[in-house]
Amino acid sequence: DLTGTTLADGTYAVNAKVTDTAGNSSEANQDVVIDTTAPNDETGPDGGALPDVAISRITDDTGTLTSDFITNDNTLKIQGQWSQDSGTLSVTVDSNVYVLGTDAALASNGDTWT
């Protein structure tokens, strides 16, 4: 419990390990990101606010949690939101870049992209 502890912005590696009486152990790792900067507080080269974009889910997320981005589905869909009036949306997956309006693999319905 880190209540009362102030962490600086950054990425923190968290590791939990359990060891039974026979000496067998298992562990879990998760990066936790602290970002206290409000969305769109940063500005671009033109002085305007940076556009919003988010990766919100994968289908089907078969991990322990339905929001942990872990899956055994190798035909998954990635979904997110964006400020559609912000400009050009591109999504990169494993060095493959998909551009909305150019690549059929990337589609948008309002402010949601898949």
Protein backbone atom coordinates (compact mmCIF):
# COMPACT_ATOMS: atom_id res chain seq x y z
CA ASP A 1 0.00 0.00 0.00
CA LEU A 2 1.62 3.24 -1.15
CA THR A 3 -1.06 5.50 0.32
CA GLY A 4 0.64 8.62 1.58
CA THR A 5 3.64 8.11 -0.70
CA THR A 6 3.96 10.57 -3.58
CA LEU A 7 5.44 9.04 -6.71
CA ALA A 8 6.92 11.18 -9.46
CA ASP A 9 5.62 10.85 -13.02
CA GLY A 10 7.20 7.87 -14.72
CA THR A 11 6.97 4.14 -15.26
CA TYR A 12 7.31 1.83 -12.28
CA ALA A 13 7.94 -1.89 -12.60
CA VAL A 14 5.84 -3.83 -10.10
CA ASN A 15 6.67 -7.46 -9.30
CA ALA A 16 4.70 -9.79 -7.03
CA LYS A 17 6.19 -13.15 -6.10
CA VAL A 18 4.78 -16.00 -4.07
CA THR A 19 6.78 -18.97 -2.79
CA ASP A 20 5.22 -22.04 -1.22
CA THR A 21 6.77 -24.09 1.60
CA ALA A 22 8.34 -26.48 -0.94
CA GLY A 23 10.22 -23.58 -2.52
CA ASN A 24 8.11 -23.39 -5.69
CA SER A 25 7.50 -19.84 -6.79
CA SER A 26 5.44 -17.90 -9.26
CA GLU A 27 5.51 -14.23 -10.09
CA ALA A 28 3.61 -11.54 -11.91
CA ASN A 29 5.00 -8.34 -13.42
CA GLN A 30 3.20 -5.18 -14.48
CA ASP A 31 4.41 -1.72 -15.40
CA VAL A 32 2.43 1.08 -13.75
CA VAL A 33 2.58 4.52 -15.34
CA ILE A 34 2.11 7.67 -13.26
CA ASP A 35 1.13 10.58 -15.50
CA THR A 36 -0.27 13.60 -13.70
CA THR A 37 -0.29 15.79 -16.81
CA ALA A 38 -3.85 16.62 -17.81
CA PRO A 39 -4.83 15.57 -21.34
CA ASN A 40 -4.09 18.17 -23.99
CA ASP A 41 -2.00 20.29 -21.60
CA GLU A 42 0.94 19.80 -23.93
CA THR A 43 1.21 21.85 -27.08
CA GLY A 44 2.40 21.04 -30.54
CA PRO A 45 4.87 23.02 -32.65
CA ASP A 46 2.07 25.41 -33.67
CA GLY A 47 1.23 26.15 -30.01
CA GLY A 48 -2.12 24.34 -30.23
CA ALA A 49 -3.25 21.44 -28.06
CA LEU A 50 -2.11 17.96 -29.06
CA PRO A 51 -4.90 15.69 -30.34
CA ASP A 52 -6.38 12.95 -28.14
CA VAL A 53 -5.94 9.30 -29.05
CA ALA A 54 -6.35 6.14 -26.97
CA ILE A 55 -6.10 2.36 -27.33
CA SER A 56 -9.04 1.10 -25.30
CA ARG A 57 -9.49 -2.64 -25.87
CA ILE A 58 -8.78 -5.78 -27.85
CA THR A 59 -11.36 -8.32 -28.97
CA ASP A 60 -11.23 -10.98 -27.68
CA ASP A 61 -9.32 -10.25 -24.49
CA THR A 62 -9.02 -13.73 -22.97
CA GLY A 63 -6.64 -12.88 -20.14
CA THR A 64 -7.45 -13.05 -16.44
CA LEU A 65 -9.11 -9.64 -16.72
CA THR A 66 -11.16 -8.56 -19.71
CA SER A 67 -9.06 -5.38 -19.85
CA ASP A 68 -5.51 -6.70 -19.42
CA PHE A 69 -4.66 -6.77 -23.15
CA ILE A 70 -3.69 -10.45 -22.90
CA THR A 71 -5.24 -12.88 -25.36
CA ASN A 72 -4.89 -16.23 -27.05
CA ASP A 73 -6.85 -14.87 -30.05
CA ASN A 74 -4.40 -14.33 -32.91
CA THR A 75 -7.08 -12.71 -35.10
CA LEU A 76 -7.91 -9.94 -32.65
CA LYS A 77 -9.31 -6.49 -33.29
CA ILE A 78 -7.73 -3.47 -31.63
CA GLN A 79 -10.07 -0.60 -30.77
CA GLY A 80 -9.56 2.94 -29.59
CA GLN A 81 -10.86 6.49 -29.61
CA TRP A 82 -9.53 9.61 -31.23
CA SER A 83 -10.36 13.26 -31.86
CA GLN A 84 -11.57 12.81 -35.42
CA ASP A 85 -11.19 16.50 -36.22
CA SER A 86 -7.52 16.38 -35.19
CA GLY A 87 -5.94 15.22 -38.43
CA THR A 88 -4.66 11.90 -39.75
CA LEU A 89 -4.96 8.74 -37.67
CA SER A 90 -2.28 6.06 -38.04
CA VAL A 91 -1.94 2.87 -36.02
CA THR A 92 1.27 0.82 -35.90
CA VAL A 93 1.18 -2.88 -35.04
CA ASP A 94 4.49 -4.75 -34.99
CA SER A 95 6.15 -2.26 -37.40
CA ASN A 96 3.15 -2.30 -39.79
CA VAL A 97 1.64 1.16 -40.15
CA TYR A 98 -2.07 1.53 -41.02
CA VAL A 99 -3.44 4.93 -42.04
CA LEU A 100 -7.14 5.73 -41.83
CA GLY A 101 -8.55 6.37 -45.28
CA THR A 102 -5.65 4.58 -46.97
CA ASP A 103 -5.64 1.09 -45.46
CA ALA A 104 -8.84 -0.98 -45.36
CA ALA A 105 -7.62 -2.68 -42.18
CA LEU A 106 -8.19 0.59 -40.22
CA ALA A 107 -11.74 1.89 -40.00
CA SER A 108 -13.48 4.61 -38.02
CA ASN A 109 -17.05 5.07 -36.83
CA GLY A 110 -17.28 8.52 -35.34
CA ASP A 111 -14.58 8.88 -32.71
CA THR A 112 -13.99 5.10 -32.42
CA TRP A 113 -11.39 3.34 -34.57
CA THR A 114 -10.87 -0.38 -35.15
